[in-house]
């Protein structure tokens, strides 16, 4: 009886150590079922690239010149590069935060500074996307901007672009209902 009790206790300790080791190894911080990524909080990508593709796919309807197309492509490329750099910086800061949190004695000041740095970088990334979109729109004439607005409104319906729906013109698998372009 005593041996059975001892065996059960050892099995319980062993199982508990495996579970806690798995949680400590990072499963609770990133890829486990309860993580942010599994709950749908995913990065939506470079919005400036989506705007550029919307403009470029409708270049004929907008009457874009070759110079305008080249300018928009250059802005899109630079915005994508900035987006990748910013995302990498944010990911590296997140690793630093996790590293600080795993230490035996958590330095609250250091973690707080890293969190502030991470969200400042996220804010700058968002501002850069807005600047890139504005730069692209500044390449267009007033008439082209008005036409683009009509095209977007027709594609996105009454919901508009800002309510979680991405314009179908930017998806590779769907054609724009106005122009029938993919």
C-alpha atoms as a PDB file:
ATOM      1  CA  UNK A   1       0.000   0.000   0.000  1.00  0.00           C
ATOM      2  CA  UNK A   2       2.768   2.363   0.905  1.00  0.00           C
ATOM      3  CA  UNK A   3       4.616   1.599  -2.361  1.00  0.00           C
ATOM      4  CA  UNK A   4       1.442   2.323  -4.390  1.00  0.00           C
ATOM      5  CA  UNK A   5       0.995   5.633  -2.619  1.00  0.00           C
ATOM      6  CA  UNK A   6       4.622   6.570  -3.199  1.00  0.00           C
ATOM      7  CA  UNK A   7       4.379   5.602  -6.892  1.00  0.00           C
ATOM      8  CA  UNK A   8       1.214   7.681  -7.349  1.00  0.00           C
ATOM      9  CA  UNK A   9       2.855  10.681  -5.684  1.00  0.00           C
ATOM     10  CA  UNK A  10       5.937  10.391  -7.905  1.00  0.00           C
ATOM     11  CA  UNK A  11       3.789  10.124 -11.045  1.00  0.00           C
ATOM     12  CA  UNK A  12       1.824  13.186  -9.933  1.00  0.00           C
ATOM     13  CA  UNK A  13       5.014  15.164  -9.319  1.00  0.00           C
ATOM     14  CA  UNK A  14       6.439  14.077 -12.663  1.00  0.00           C
ATOM     15  CA  UNK A  15       3.258  15.041 -14.564  1.00  0.00           C
ATOM     16  CA  UNK A  16       3.091  18.386 -12.755  1.00  0.00           C
ATOM     17  CA  UNK A  17       6.703  19.187 -13.588  1.00  0.00           C
ATOM     18  CA  UNK A  18       6.128  18.398 -17.267  1.00  0.00           C
ATOM     19  CA  UNK A  19       3.089  20.689 -17.411  1.00  0.00           C
ATOM     20  CA  UNK A  20       4.833  23.557 -15.627  1.00  0.00           C
ATOM     21  CA  UNK A  21       7.995  23.124 -17.706  1.00  0.00           C
ATOM     22  CA  UNK A  22       5.923  23.387 -20.890  1.00  0.00           C
ATOM     23  CA  UNK A  23       4.270  26.559 -19.653  1.00  0.00           C
ATOM     24  CA  UNK A  24       7.613  28.025 -18.588  1.00  0.00           C
ATOM     25  CA  UNK A  25       9.206  27.119 -21.947  1.00  0.00           C
ATOM     26  CA  UNK A  26       7.034  29.695 -23.653  1.00  0.00           C
ATOM     27  CA  UNK A  27       3.870  27.926 -24.648  1.00  0.00           C
ATOM     28  CA  UNK A  28       1.852  30.329 -22.518  1.00  0.00           C
ATOM     29  CA  UNK A  29       3.536  33.330 -24.143  1.00  0.00           C
ATOM     30  CA  UNK A  30       3.158  32.832 -27.858  1.00  0.00           C
ATOM     31  CA  UNK A  31       1.779  29.901 -29.714  1.00  0.00           C
ATOM     32  CA  UNK A  32      -0.514  28.159 -27.252  1.00  0.00           C
ATOM     33  CA  UNK A  33      -4.268  28.112 -27.621  1.00  0.00           C
ATOM     34  CA  UNK A  34      -4.697  31.094 -25.328  1.00  0.00           C
ATOM     35  CA  UNK A  35      -2.178  33.304 -27.083  1.00  0.00           C
ATOM     36  CA  UNK A  36      -3.028  36.572 -28.797  1.00  0.00           C
ATOM     37  CA  UNK A  37      -2.387  35.107 -32.238  1.00  0.00           C
ATOM     38  CA  UNK A  38      -4.832  32.251 -31.747  1.00  0.00           C
ATOM     39  CA  UNK A  39      -7.540  34.693 -30.607  1.00  0.00           C
ATOM     40  CA  UNK A  40      -7.489  36.608 -33.873  1.00  0.00           C
ATOM     41  CA  UNK A  41      -5.253  39.555 -32.961  1.00  0.00           C
ATOM     42  CA  UNK A  42      -3.167  39.314 -36.096  1.00  0.00           C
ATOM     43  CA  UNK A  43      -1.231  42.005 -37.835  1.00  0.00           C
ATOM     44  CA  UNK A  44      -3.283  43.121 -40.815  1.00  0.00           C
ATOM     45  CA  UNK A  45      -0.227  43.842 -42.919  1.00  0.00           C
ATOM     46  CA  UNK A  46       0.976  46.920 -44.682  1.00  0.00           C
ATOM     47  CA  UNK A  47      -2.095  49.083 -45.372  1.00  0.00           C
ATOM     48  CA  UNK A  48      -0.049  51.346 -47.635  1.00  0.00           C
ATOM     49  CA  UNK A  49       0.624  48.361 -49.902  1.00  0.00           C
ATOM     50  CA  UNK A  50      -3.093  47.623 -50.017  1.00  0.00           C
ATOM     51  CA  UNK A  51      -3.871  51.235 -50.937  1.00  0.00           C
ATOM     52  CA  UNK A  52      -1.214  51.212 -53.649  1.00  0.00           C
ATOM     53  CA  UNK A  53      -2.571  47.995 -55.138  1.00  0.00           C
ATOM     54  CA  UNK A  54      -6.071  49.456 -55.164  1.00  0.00           C
ATOM     55  CA  UNK A  55      -4.808  52.520 -57.041  1.00  0.00           C
ATOM     56  CA  UNK A  56      -2.612  50.569 -59.441  1.00  0.00           C
ATOM     57  CA  UNK A  57      -5.281  47.991 -60.274  1.00  0.00           C
ATOM     58  CA  UNK A  58      -7.554  50.827 -61.317  1.00  0.00           C
ATOM     59  CA  UNK A  59      -4.857  52.840 -63.122  1.00  0.00           C
ATOM     60  CA  UNK A  60      -6.754  52.861 -66.431  1.00  0.00           C
ATOM     61  CA  UNK A  61     -10.014  54.025 -64.857  1.00  0.00           C
ATOM     62  CA  UNK A  62      -8.139  56.704 -62.916  1.00  0.00           C
ATOM     63  CA  UNK A  63      -6.134  57.772 -65.956  1.00  0.00           C
ATOM     64  CA  UNK A  64      -2.754  57.448 -64.241  1.00  0.00           C
ATOM     65  CA  UNK A  65       0.353  58.485 -66.159  1.00  0.00           C
ATOM     66  CA  UNK A  66       3.470  56.296 -66.171  1.00  0.00           C
ATOM     67  CA  UNK A  67       5.153  58.825 -63.883  1.00  0.00           C
ATOM     68  CA  UNK A  68       2.278  58.580 -61.376  1.00  0.00           C
ATOM     69  CA  UNK A  69       2.397  54.772 -61.481  1.00  0.00           C
ATOM     70  CA  UNK A  70       6.151  54.845 -60.843  1.00  0.00           C
ATOM     71  CA  UNK A  71       5.789  57.313 -57.966  1.00  0.00           C
ATOM     72  CA  UNK A  72       3.072  55.203 -56.321  1.00  0.00           C
ATOM     73  CA  UNK A  73       5.146  52.042 -56.784  1.00  0.00           C
ATOM     74  CA  UNK A  74       8.183  53.754 -55.206  1.00  0.00           C
ATOM     75  CA  UNK A  75       6.105  54.965 -52.240  1.00  0.00           C
ATOM     76  CA  UNK A  76       4.613  51.474 -51.839  1.00  0.00           C
ATOM     77  CA  UNK A  77       8.055  49.845 -51.887  1.00  0.00           C
ATOM     78  CA  UNK A  78       9.491  52.249 -49.333  1.00  0.00           C
ATOM     79  CA  UNK A  79       6.409  51.868 -47.110  1.00  0.00           C
ATOM     80  CA  UNK A  80       6.729  48.074 -47.245  1.00  0.00           C
ATOM     81  CA  UNK A  81      10.414  48.302 -46.289  1.00  0.00           C
ATOM     82  CA  UNK A  82       9.583  50.616 -43.368  1.00  0.00           C
ATOM     83  CA  UNK A  83       6.764  48.301 -42.311  1.00  0.00           C
ATOM     84  CA  UNK A  84       9.083  45.272 -42.257  1.00  0.00           C
ATOM     85  CA  UNK A  85      11.741  47.172 -40.266  1.00  0.00           C
ATOM     86  CA  UNK A  86       9.161  48.450 -37.768  1.00  0.00           C
ATOM     87  CA  UNK A  87       7.585  45.033 -37.310  1.00  0.00           C
ATOM     88  CA  UNK A  88      11.003  43.457 -36.731  1.00  0.00           C
ATOM     89  CA  UNK A  89      11.863  46.127 -34.154  1.00  0.00           C
ATOM     90  CA  UNK A  90       8.544  45.557 -32.355  1.00  0.00           C
ATOM     91  CA  UNK A  91       9.103  41.782 -32.356  1.00  0.00           C
ATOM     92  CA  UNK A  92      12.618  42.204 -30.932  1.00  0.00           C
ATOM     93  CA  UNK A  93      11.336  44.451 -28.154  1.00  0.00           C
ATOM     94  CA  UNK A  94       8.663  41.851 -27.362  1.00  0.00           C
ATOM     95  CA  UNK A  95      11.409  39.229 -27.002  1.00  0.00           C
ATOM     96  CA  UNK A  96      13.255  41.552 -24.614  1.00  0.00           C
ATOM     97  CA  UNK A  97      10.082  42.033 -22.544  1.00  0.00           C
ATOM     98  CA  UNK A  98       9.586  38.272 -22.276  1.00  0.00           C
ATOM     99  CA  UNK A  99      13.228  37.808 -21.352  1.00  0.00           C
ATOM    100  CA  UNK A 100      12.924  40.353 -18.539  1.00  0.00           C
ATOM    101  CA  UNK A 101       9.708  38.725 -17.325  1.00  0.00           C
ATOM    102  CA  UNK A 102      11.360  35.287 -17.092  1.00  0.00           C
ATOM    103  CA  UNK A 103      14.128  36.519 -14.799  1.00  0.00           C
ATOM    104  CA  UNK A 104      13.941  35.481 -11.159  1.00  0.00           C
ATOM    105  CA  UNK A 105      13.680  39.087  -9.995  1.00  0.00           C
ATOM    106  CA  UNK A 106      11.622  41.143 -12.431  1.00  0.00           C
ATOM    107  CA  UNK A 107      12.890  44.683 -12.855  1.00  0.00           C
ATOM    108  CA  UNK A 108       9.623  46.610 -13.136  1.00  0.00           C
ATOM    109  CA  UNK A 109      11.360  49.749 -14.358  1.00  0.00           C
ATOM    110  CA  UNK A 110      13.121  47.905 -17.195  1.00  0.00           C
ATOM    111  CA  UNK A 111       9.950  46.080 -18.253  1.00  0.00           C
ATOM    112  CA  UNK A 112       7.926  49.291 -18.164  1.00  0.00           C
ATOM    113  CA  UNK A 113      10.531  51.071 -20.291  1.00  0.00           C
ATOM    114  CA  UNK A 114      10.504  48.222 -22.823  1.00  0.00           C
ATOM    115  CA  UNK A 115       6.708  48.244 -22.986  1.00  0.00           C
ATOM    116  CA  UNK A 116       6.733  52.011 -23.563  1.00  0.00           C
ATOM    117  CA  UNK A 117       9.343  51.547 -26.292  1.00  0.00           C
ATOM    118  CA  UNK A 118       7.279  48.777 -27.944  1.00  0.00           C
ATOM    119  CA  UNK A 119       4.090  50.815 -28.108  1.00  0.00           C
ATOM    120  CA  UNK A 120       5.934  53.924 -29.256  1.00  0.00           C
ATOM    121  CA  UNK A 121       7.303  51.831 -32.135  1.00  0.00           C
ATOM    122  CA  UNK A 122       3.782  50.564 -32.920  1.00  0.00           C
ATOM    123  CA  UNK A 123       2.468  54.122 -32.958  1.00  0.00           C
ATOM    124  CA  UNK A 124       5.264  55.202 -35.289  1.00  0.00           C
ATOM    125  CA  UNK A 125       4.528  52.250 -37.590  1.00  0.00           C
ATOM    126  CA  UNK A 126       0.872  53.292 -37.823  1.00  0.00           C
ATOM    127  CA  UNK A 127       1.813  56.927 -38.455  1.00  0.00           C
ATOM    128  CA  UNK A 128       4.229  55.865 -41.212  1.00  0.00           C
ATOM    129  CA  UNK A 129       1.418  53.954 -42.952  1.00  0.00           C
ATOM    130  CA  UNK A 130      -0.815  57.035 -42.800  1.00  0.00           C
ATOM    131  CA  UNK A 131       1.986  59.193 -44.222  1.00  0.00           C
ATOM    132  CA  UNK A 132       2.594  56.708 -47.051  1.00  0.00           C
ATOM    133  CA  UNK A 133      -1.112  56.603 -47.926  1.00  0.00           C
ATOM    134  CA  UNK A 134      -1.246  60.414 -47.918  1.00  0.00           C
ATOM    135  CA  UNK A 135       1.878  60.551 -50.096  1.00  0.00           C
ATOM    136  CA  UNK A 136       0.225  58.216 -52.604  1.00  0.00           C
ATOM    137  CA  UNK A 137      -2.938  60.287 -52.660  1.00  0.00           C
ATOM    138  CA  UNK A 138      -0.900  63.465 -53.173  1.00  0.00           C
ATOM    139  CA  UNK A 139       0.407  61.980 -56.431  1.00  0.00           C
ATOM    140  CA  UNK A 140      -3.172  61.889 -57.748  1.00  0.00           C
ATOM    141  CA  UNK A 141      -5.028  64.878 -59.126  1.00  0.00           C
ATOM    142  CA  UNK A 142      -8.260  66.075 -57.502  1.00  0.00           C
ATOM    143  CA  UNK A 143     -10.280  64.345 -60.234  1.00  0.00           C
ATOM    144  CA  UNK A 144      -8.370  61.076 -59.775  1.00  0.00           C
ATOM    145  CA  UNK A 145      -8.896  61.180 -56.003  1.00  0.00           C
ATOM    146  CA  UNK A 146     -12.637  61.736 -56.522  1.00  0.00           C
ATOM    147  CA  UNK A 147     -12.783  58.815 -58.979  1.00  0.00           C
ATOM    148  CA  UNK A 148     -10.843  56.588 -56.572  1.00  0.00           C
ATOM    149  CA  UNK A 149     -13.285  57.464 -53.809  1.00  0.00           C
ATOM    150  CA  UNK A 150     -16.200  56.457 -56.071  1.00  0.00           C
ATOM    151  CA  UNK A 151     -14.520  53.183 -56.968  1.00  0.00           C
ATOM    152  CA  UNK A 152     -13.843  52.353 -53.318  1.00  0.00           C
ATOM    153  CA  UNK A 153     -17.387  53.270 -52.320  1.00  0.00           C
ATOM    154  CA  UNK A 154     -18.830  51.031 -55.053  1.00  0.00           C
ATOM    155  CA  UNK A 155     -16.615  48.128 -54.076  1.00  0.00           C
ATOM    156  CA  UNK A 156     -17.056  48.398 -50.340  1.00  0.00           C
ATOM    157  CA  UNK A 157     -20.672  49.415 -50.209  1.00  0.00           C
ATOM    158  CA  UNK A 158     -22.221  51.337 -47.359  1.00  0.00           C
ATOM    159  CA  UNK A 159     -19.854  49.861 -44.767  1.00  0.00           C
ATOM    160  CA  UNK A 160     -16.873  51.781 -46.091  1.00  0.00           C
ATOM    161  CA  UNK A 161     -13.220  50.975 -45.640  1.00  0.00           C
ATOM    162  CA  UNK A 162     -12.946  51.720 -41.941  1.00  0.00           C
ATOM    163  CA  UNK A 163     -15.208  49.086 -40.491  1.00  0.00           C
ATOM    164  CA  UNK A 164     -13.157  45.938 -40.711  1.00  0.00           C
ATOM    165  CA  UNK A 165     -13.905  45.190 -44.371  1.00  0.00           C
ATOM    166  CA  UNK A 166     -11.058  45.395 -46.813  1.00  0.00           C
ATOM    167  CA  UNK A 167     -11.925  46.543 -50.305  1.00  0.00           C
ATOM    168  CA  UNK A 168     -12.201  43.502 -52.578  1.00  0.00           C
ATOM    169  CA  UNK A 169      -9.990  45.287 -55.091  1.00  0.00           C
ATOM    170  CA  UNK A 170      -6.998  44.514 -52.898  1.00  0.00           C
ATOM    171  CA  UNK A 171      -7.663  40.790 -52.645  1.00  0.00           C
ATOM    172  CA  UNK A 172      -6.031  38.602 -55.274  1.00  0.00           C
ATOM    173  CA  UNK A 173      -8.931  36.168 -55.378  1.00  0.00           C
ATOM    174  CA  UNK A 174     -11.743  38.648 -56.010  1.00  0.00           C
ATOM    175  CA  UNK A 175     -12.471  41.045 -58.807  1.00  0.00           C
ATOM    176  CA  UNK A 176     -13.670  44.573 -58.217  1.00  0.00           C
ATOM    177  CA  UNK A 177     -17.448  44.595 -58.856  1.00  0.00           C
ATOM    178  CA  UNK A 178     -17.173  47.954 -60.620  1.00  0.00           C
ATOM    179  CA  UNK A 179     -14.308  47.268 -62.999  1.00  0.00           C
ATOM    180  CA  UNK A 180     -14.270  43.430 -63.039  1.00  0.00           C
ATOM    181  CA  UNK A 181     -10.498  43.586 -62.484  1.00  0.00           C
ATOM    182  CA  UNK A 182      -8.613  41.249 -60.216  1.00  0.00           C
END
